[in-house]
Amino acid sequence: AWPVLLLSLATFLSRRRELLPFGFAFLFSAAGDAVGARGLFIPQMAFFALAHVAYIRWFLPRARRRLRTGTLAVVVPLLVFLFAVIVPRAPFPAECIGTALYGTIIAGMLCSVFQYAGACAAGFRCAALLFVFSDAVIAWNRFIGPVPARTWIVMITYYLAQYLFFRFAFKTAARN
């Protein structure tokens, strides 16, 4: 949780109001990391859902109003994978509902990022895809079967995603 908590603190200490959603996203992610390290899957998903809501809060007002075909080409397969492969394998109703809700929220984050048309759009898209990939590996490992080197894959893609969100948020803010 420490690396993402430091990103949160750096964001809040920058005193840039336009970056507050990123600060909260990093803070909620750090909380998700902390409860996830204790094996608390449902609270972990809840904190990460809040983090994605914070990302959506930043991207959505800056998004194109007309839904792009490229956005659908990325988000629809994610939702199909979620509801056809992952959710049916959740062993408990709470996990099933939580996974469906979380997956829908992260798909919303991905959609809002892909609809974003401002500075550093490609960098933000890369960050969002890395985050989704990291979560897909976690879901596969939890509900489908073991993923070799899961911890390395998840942590590298997750921390890289968070760093890229941080970097491009500040780069975008510097242009304004």
C-alpha atoms as a PDB file:
ATOM      1  CA  ALA A   1       0.000   0.000   0.000  1.00  0.00           C
ATOM      2  CA  TRP A   2       2.908   2.375   0.646  1.00  0.00           C
ATOM      3  CA  PRO A   3       3.841   3.273  -2.951  1.00  0.00           C
ATOM      4  CA  VAL A   4       0.271   4.231  -3.862  1.00  0.00           C
ATOM      5  CA  LEU A   5      -0.232   6.004  -0.537  1.00  0.00           C
ATOM      6  CA  LEU A   6       2.814   8.128  -1.383  1.00  0.00           C
ATOM      7  CA  LEU A   7       1.276   8.992  -4.768  1.00  0.00           C
ATOM      8  CA  SER A   8      -1.869  10.056  -2.903  1.00  0.00           C
ATOM      9  CA  LEU A   9       0.067  12.243  -0.479  1.00  0.00           C
ATOM     10  CA  ALA A  10       2.085  13.829  -3.288  1.00  0.00           C
ATOM     11  CA  THR A  11      -1.130  14.591  -5.141  1.00  0.00           C
ATOM     12  CA  PHE A  12      -2.839  16.140  -2.111  1.00  0.00           C
ATOM     13  CA  LEU A  13       0.284  18.107  -1.169  1.00  0.00           C
ATOM     14  CA  SER A  14       0.449  19.586  -4.668  1.00  0.00           C
ATOM     15  CA  ARG A  15      -2.674  21.583  -3.749  1.00  0.00           C
ATOM     16  CA  ARG A  16      -3.989  21.327  -7.279  1.00  0.00           C
ATOM     17  CA  ARG A  17      -7.768  21.153  -7.012  1.00  0.00           C
ATOM     18  CA  GLU A  18      -8.133  19.634 -10.466  1.00  0.00           C
ATOM     19  CA  LEU A  19      -6.087  16.623  -9.289  1.00  0.00           C
ATOM     20  CA  LEU A  20      -8.173  15.841  -6.194  1.00  0.00           C
ATOM     21  CA  PRO A  21      -9.977  12.893  -7.854  1.00  0.00           C
ATOM     22  CA  PHE A  22      -6.575  11.310  -8.532  1.00  0.00           C
ATOM     23  CA  GLY A  23      -5.535  11.867  -4.913  1.00  0.00           C
ATOM     24  CA  PHE A  24      -8.684  10.087  -3.729  1.00  0.00           C
ATOM     25  CA  ALA A  25      -8.244   7.319  -6.304  1.00  0.00           C
ATOM     26  CA  PHE A  26      -4.718   6.656  -4.994  1.00  0.00           C
ATOM     27  CA  LEU A  27      -5.910   6.837  -1.377  1.00  0.00           C
ATOM     28  CA  PHE A  28      -8.745   4.346  -1.980  1.00  0.00           C
ATOM     29  CA  SER A  29      -6.335   2.101  -3.909  1.00  0.00           C
ATOM     30  CA  ALA A  30      -3.890   2.132  -0.993  1.00  0.00           C
ATOM     31  CA  ALA A  31      -6.742   1.153   1.337  1.00  0.00           C
ATOM     32  CA  GLY A  32      -7.647  -1.640  -1.103  1.00  0.00           C
ATOM     33  CA  ASP A  33      -4.039  -2.816  -1.091  1.00  0.00           C
ATOM     34  CA  ALA A  34      -3.999  -2.853   2.721  1.00  0.00           C
ATOM     35  CA  VAL A  35      -7.186  -4.893   3.152  1.00  0.00           C
ATOM     36  CA  GLY A  36      -6.250  -7.123   0.209  1.00  0.00           C
ATOM     37  CA  ALA A  37      -2.959  -7.963   1.921  1.00  0.00           C
ATOM     38  CA  ARG A  38      -5.065  -9.292   4.799  1.00  0.00           C
ATOM     39  CA  GLY A  39      -7.082 -11.480   2.426  1.00  0.00           C
ATOM     40  CA  LEU A  40     -10.275  -9.422   2.664  1.00  0.00           C
ATOM     41  CA  PHE A  41     -11.497  -9.712  -0.928  1.00  0.00           C
ATOM     42  CA  ILE A  42     -14.899  -7.968  -0.676  1.00  0.00           C
ATOM     43  CA  PRO A  43     -13.540  -4.875   1.145  1.00  0.00           C
ATOM     44  CA  GLN A  44     -10.626  -4.832  -1.309  1.00  0.00           C
ATOM     45  CA  MET A  45     -13.067  -4.701  -4.241  1.00  0.00           C
ATOM     46  CA  ALA A  46     -15.089  -1.995  -2.480  1.00  0.00           C
ATOM     47  CA  PHE A  47     -12.067   0.261  -2.021  1.00  0.00           C
ATOM     48  CA  PHE A  48     -10.929  -0.273  -5.612  1.00  0.00           C
ATOM     49  CA  ALA A  49     -14.467   0.426  -6.839  1.00  0.00           C
ATOM     50  CA  LEU A  50     -14.277   3.772  -5.012  1.00  0.00           C
ATOM     51  CA  ALA A  51     -10.890   4.401  -6.642  1.00  0.00           C
ATOM     52  CA  HIS A  52     -12.368   3.785 -10.084  1.00  0.00           C
ATOM     53  CA  VAL A  53     -15.303   6.064  -9.291  1.00  0.00           C
ATOM     54  CA  ALA A  54     -12.745   8.771  -8.485  1.00  0.00           C
ATOM     55  CA  TYR A  55     -11.003   8.167 -11.824  1.00  0.00           C
ATOM     56  CA  ILE A  56     -14.367   8.325 -13.586  1.00  0.00           C
ATOM     57  CA  ARG A  57     -15.057  11.585 -11.733  1.00  0.00           C
ATOM     58  CA  TRP A  58     -11.983  13.113 -13.400  1.00  0.00           C
ATOM     59  CA  PHE A  59     -12.293  11.610 -16.881  1.00  0.00           C
ATOM     60  CA  LEU A  60     -16.038  11.738 -17.517  1.00  0.00           C
ATOM     61  CA  PRO A  61     -16.428  15.551 -17.603  1.00  0.00           C
ATOM     62  CA  ARG A  62     -13.535  15.643 -20.090  1.00  0.00           C
ATOM     63  CA  ALA A  63     -14.876  12.810 -22.258  1.00  0.00           C
ATOM     64  CA  ARG A  64     -16.325  12.973 -25.738  1.00  0.00           C
ATOM     65  CA  ARG A  65     -20.105  12.975 -25.644  1.00  0.00           C
ATOM     66  CA  ARG A  66     -20.532  10.653 -28.629  1.00  0.00           C
ATOM     67  CA  LEU A  67     -19.551   7.057 -27.889  1.00  0.00           C
ATOM     68  CA  ARG A  68     -16.695   5.981 -30.130  1.00  0.00           C
ATOM     69  CA  THR A  69     -16.510   2.598 -31.851  1.00  0.00           C
ATOM     70  CA  GLY A  70     -12.967   2.098 -30.511  1.00  0.00           C
ATOM     71  CA  THR A  71     -14.242   2.515 -26.958  1.00  0.00           C
ATOM     72  CA  LEU A  72     -16.913  -0.115 -27.520  1.00  0.00           C
ATOM     73  CA  ALA A  73     -14.317  -2.446 -29.086  1.00  0.00           C
ATOM     74  CA  VAL A  74     -12.382  -2.352 -25.812  1.00  0.00           C
ATOM     75  CA  VAL A  75     -15.146  -2.219 -23.200  1.00  0.00           C
ATOM     76  CA  VAL A  76     -17.664  -4.721 -24.626  1.00  0.00           C
ATOM     77  CA  PRO A  77     -15.209  -7.680 -24.699  1.00  0.00           C
ATOM     78  CA  LEU A  78     -14.240  -6.853 -21.111  1.00  0.00           C
ATOM     79  CA  LEU A  79     -17.878  -6.990 -20.026  1.00  0.00           C
ATOM     80  CA  VAL A  80     -18.514 -10.207 -21.981  1.00  0.00           C
ATOM     81  CA  PHE A  81     -15.453 -11.804 -20.335  1.00  0.00           C
ATOM     82  CA  LEU A  82     -16.631 -10.607 -16.936  1.00  0.00           C
ATOM     83  CA  PHE A  83     -20.206 -11.857 -17.181  1.00  0.00           C
ATOM     84  CA  ALA A  84     -19.593 -14.999 -19.254  1.00  0.00           C
ATOM     85  CA  VAL A  85     -16.409 -16.301 -17.639  1.00  0.00           C
ATOM     86  CA  ILE A  86     -15.684 -14.697 -14.250  1.00  0.00           C
ATOM     87  CA  VAL A  87     -18.979 -13.926 -12.476  1.00  0.00           C
ATOM     88  CA  PRO A  88     -20.517 -17.410 -12.986  1.00  0.00           C
ATOM     89  CA  ARG A  89     -17.502 -18.946 -11.236  1.00  0.00           C
ATOM     90  CA  ALA A  90     -17.727 -16.825  -8.085  1.00  0.00           C
ATOM     91  CA  PRO A  91     -18.479 -19.369  -5.355  1.00  0.00           C
ATOM     92  CA  PHE A  92     -20.557 -17.190  -3.010  1.00  0.00           C
ATOM     93  CA  PRO A  93     -23.442 -14.803  -3.734  1.00  0.00           C
ATOM     94  CA  ALA A  94     -21.593 -11.874  -2.123  1.00  0.00           C
ATOM     95  CA  GLU A  95     -18.555 -12.507  -4.338  1.00  0.00           C
ATOM     96  CA  CYS A  96     -20.767 -12.927  -7.389  1.00  0.00           C
ATOM     97  CA  ILE A  97     -22.584  -9.624  -6.789  1.00  0.00           C
ATOM     98  CA  GLY A  98     -19.401  -7.824  -5.728  1.00  0.00           C
ATOM     99  CA  THR A  99     -17.448  -9.068  -8.738  1.00  0.00           C
ATOM    100  CA  ALA A 100     -20.244  -8.086 -11.140  1.00  0.00           C
ATOM    101  CA  LEU A 101     -20.535  -4.626  -9.584  1.00  0.00           C
ATOM    102  CA  TYR A 102     -16.783  -4.061  -9.449  1.00  0.00           C
ATOM    103  CA  GLY A 103     -16.333  -5.282 -13.011  1.00  0.00           C
ATOM    104  CA  THR A 104     -19.043  -2.919 -14.228  1.00  0.00           C
ATOM    105  CA  ILE A 105     -17.395   0.001 -12.424  1.00  0.00           C
ATOM    106  CA  ILE A 106     -13.913  -0.769 -13.796  1.00  0.00           C
ATOM    107  CA  ALA A 107     -15.488  -1.082 -17.278  1.00  0.00           C
ATOM    108  CA  GLY A 108     -16.995   2.369 -16.682  1.00  0.00           C
ATOM    109  CA  MET A 109     -13.560   3.690 -15.782  1.00  0.00           C
ATOM    110  CA  LEU A 110     -12.096   2.152 -18.921  1.00  0.00           C
ATOM    111  CA  CYS A 111     -14.896   3.635 -21.010  1.00  0.00           C
ATOM    112  CA  SER A 112     -14.430   7.120 -19.535  1.00  0.00           C
ATOM    113  CA  VAL A 113     -10.673   6.968 -20.151  1.00  0.00           C
ATOM    114  CA  PHE A 114     -11.126   5.811 -23.746  1.00  0.00           C
ATOM    115  CA  GLN A 115     -13.649   8.599 -24.326  1.00  0.00           C
ATOM    116  CA  TYR A 116     -11.228  11.184 -22.882  1.00  0.00           C
ATOM    117  CA  ALA A 117      -9.928  13.467 -25.625  1.00  0.00           C
ATOM    118  CA  GLY A 118      -7.487  15.706 -23.745  1.00  0.00           C
ATOM    119  CA  ALA A 119      -3.755  15.861 -23.235  1.00  0.00           C
ATOM    120  CA  CYS A 120      -1.904  12.592 -22.602  1.00  0.00           C
ATOM    121  CA  ALA A 121      -4.919  10.502 -23.716  1.00  0.00           C
ATOM    122  CA  ALA A 122      -2.714   7.656 -24.974  1.00  0.00           C
ATOM    123  CA  GLY A 123      -0.816   7.520 -21.674  1.00  0.00           C
ATOM    124  CA  PHE A 124      -4.030   7.448 -19.652  1.00  0.00           C
ATOM    125  CA  ARG A 125      -5.390   4.670 -21.889  1.00  0.00           C
ATOM    126  CA  CYS A 126      -2.253   2.637 -21.334  1.00  0.00           C
ATOM    127  CA  ALA A 127      -2.615   3.105 -17.557  1.00  0.00           C
ATOM    128  CA  ALA A 128      -6.273   2.049 -17.633  1.00  0.00           C
ATOM    129  CA  LEU A 129      -5.524  -1.050 -19.712  1.00  0.00           C
ATOM    130  CA  LEU A 130      -2.714  -2.054 -17.351  1.00  0.00           C
ATOM    131  CA  PHE A 131      -5.061  -1.664 -14.377  1.00  0.00           C
ATOM    132  CA  VAL A 132      -7.749  -3.773 -16.050  1.00  0.00           C
ATOM    133  CA  PHE A 133      -5.179  -6.422 -17.026  1.00  0.00           C
ATOM    134  CA  SER A 134      -3.906  -6.585 -13.440  1.00  0.00           C
ATOM    135  CA  ASP A 135      -7.436  -7.089 -12.146  1.00  0.00           C
ATOM    136  CA  ALA A 136      -8.180  -9.686 -14.836  1.00  0.00           C
ATOM    137  CA  VAL A 137      -5.186 -11.713 -13.676  1.00  0.00           C
ATOM    138  CA  ILE A 138      -6.431 -11.516 -10.083  1.00  0.00           C
ATOM    139  CA  ALA A 139      -9.924 -12.619 -11.159  1.00  0.00           C
ATOM    140  CA  TRP A 140      -8.592 -15.454 -13.309  1.00  0.00           C
ATOM    141  CA  ASN A 141      -6.372 -16.687 -10.484  1.00  0.00           C
ATOM    142  CA  ARG A 142      -9.182 -16.497  -7.935  1.00  0.00           C
ATOM    143  CA  PHE A 143     -12.052 -17.947  -9.953  1.00  0.00           C
ATOM    144  CA  ILE A 144     -10.617 -19.936 -12.892  1.00  0.00           C
ATOM    145  CA  GLY A 145      -7.203 -21.352 -12.050  1.00  0.00           C
ATOM    146  CA  PRO A 146      -3.638 -20.569 -11.026  1.00  0.00           C
ATOM    147  CA  VAL A 147      -1.655 -18.002 -12.993  1.00  0.00           C
ATOM    148  CA  PRO A 148       2.115 -18.639 -13.006  1.00  0.00           C
ATOM    149  CA  ALA A 149       4.053 -15.695 -11.538  1.00  0.00           C
ATOM    150  CA  ARG A 150       0.730 -14.080 -10.619  1.00  0.00           C
ATOM    151  CA  THR A 151       2.177 -11.830  -7.941  1.00  0.00           C
ATOM    152  CA  TRP A 152       4.826 -10.419 -10.269  1.00  0.00           C
ATOM    153  CA  ILE A 153       2.399  -9.905 -13.124  1.00  0.00           C
ATOM    154  CA  VAL A 154      -0.216  -8.247 -10.927  1.00  0.00           C
ATOM    155  CA  MET A 155       2.129  -6.002  -8.993  1.00  0.00           C
ATOM    156  CA  ILE A 156       4.176  -4.810 -11.961  1.00  0.00           C
ATOM    157  CA  THR A 157       1.145  -3.949 -14.086  1.00  0.00           C
ATOM    158  CA  TYR A 158      -0.776  -2.440 -11.141  1.00  0.00           C
ATOM    159  CA  TYR A 159       2.035  -0.198  -9.902  1.00  0.00           C
ATOM    160  CA  LEU A 160       2.912   0.825 -13.446  1.00  0.00           C
ATOM    161  CA  ALA A 161      -0.737   1.750 -14.050  1.00  0.00           C
ATOM    162  CA  GLN A 162      -0.890   3.861 -10.899  1.00  0.00           C
ATOM    163  CA  TYR A 163       2.404   5.563 -11.711  1.00  0.00           C
ATOM    164  CA  LEU A 164       1.216   6.357 -15.242  1.00  0.00           C
ATOM    165  CA  PHE A 165      -2.059   7.817 -13.938  1.00  0.00           C
ATOM    166  CA  PHE A 166      -0.016   9.963 -11.538  1.00  0.00           C
ATOM    167  CA  ARG A 167       2.525  11.039 -14.140  1.00  0.00           C
ATOM    168  CA  PHE A 168       0.019  11.948 -16.834  1.00  0.00           C
ATOM    169  CA  ALA A 169      -2.320  13.686 -14.371  1.00  0.00           C
ATOM    170  CA  PHE A 170       0.489  16.002 -13.339  1.00  0.00           C
ATOM    171  CA  LYS A 171       1.629  16.436 -16.939  1.00  0.00           C
ATOM    172  CA  THR A 172      -1.925  17.399 -17.919  1.00  0.00           C
ATOM    173  CA  ALA A 173      -2.260  19.778 -14.971  1.00  0.00           C
ATOM    174  CA  ALA A 174       1.029  21.470 -15.898  1.00  0.00           C
ATOM    175  CA  ARG A 175      -0.373  22.275 -19.354  1.00  0.00           C
ATOM    176  CA  ASN A 176      -3.370  24.097 -17.868  1.00  0.00           C
END
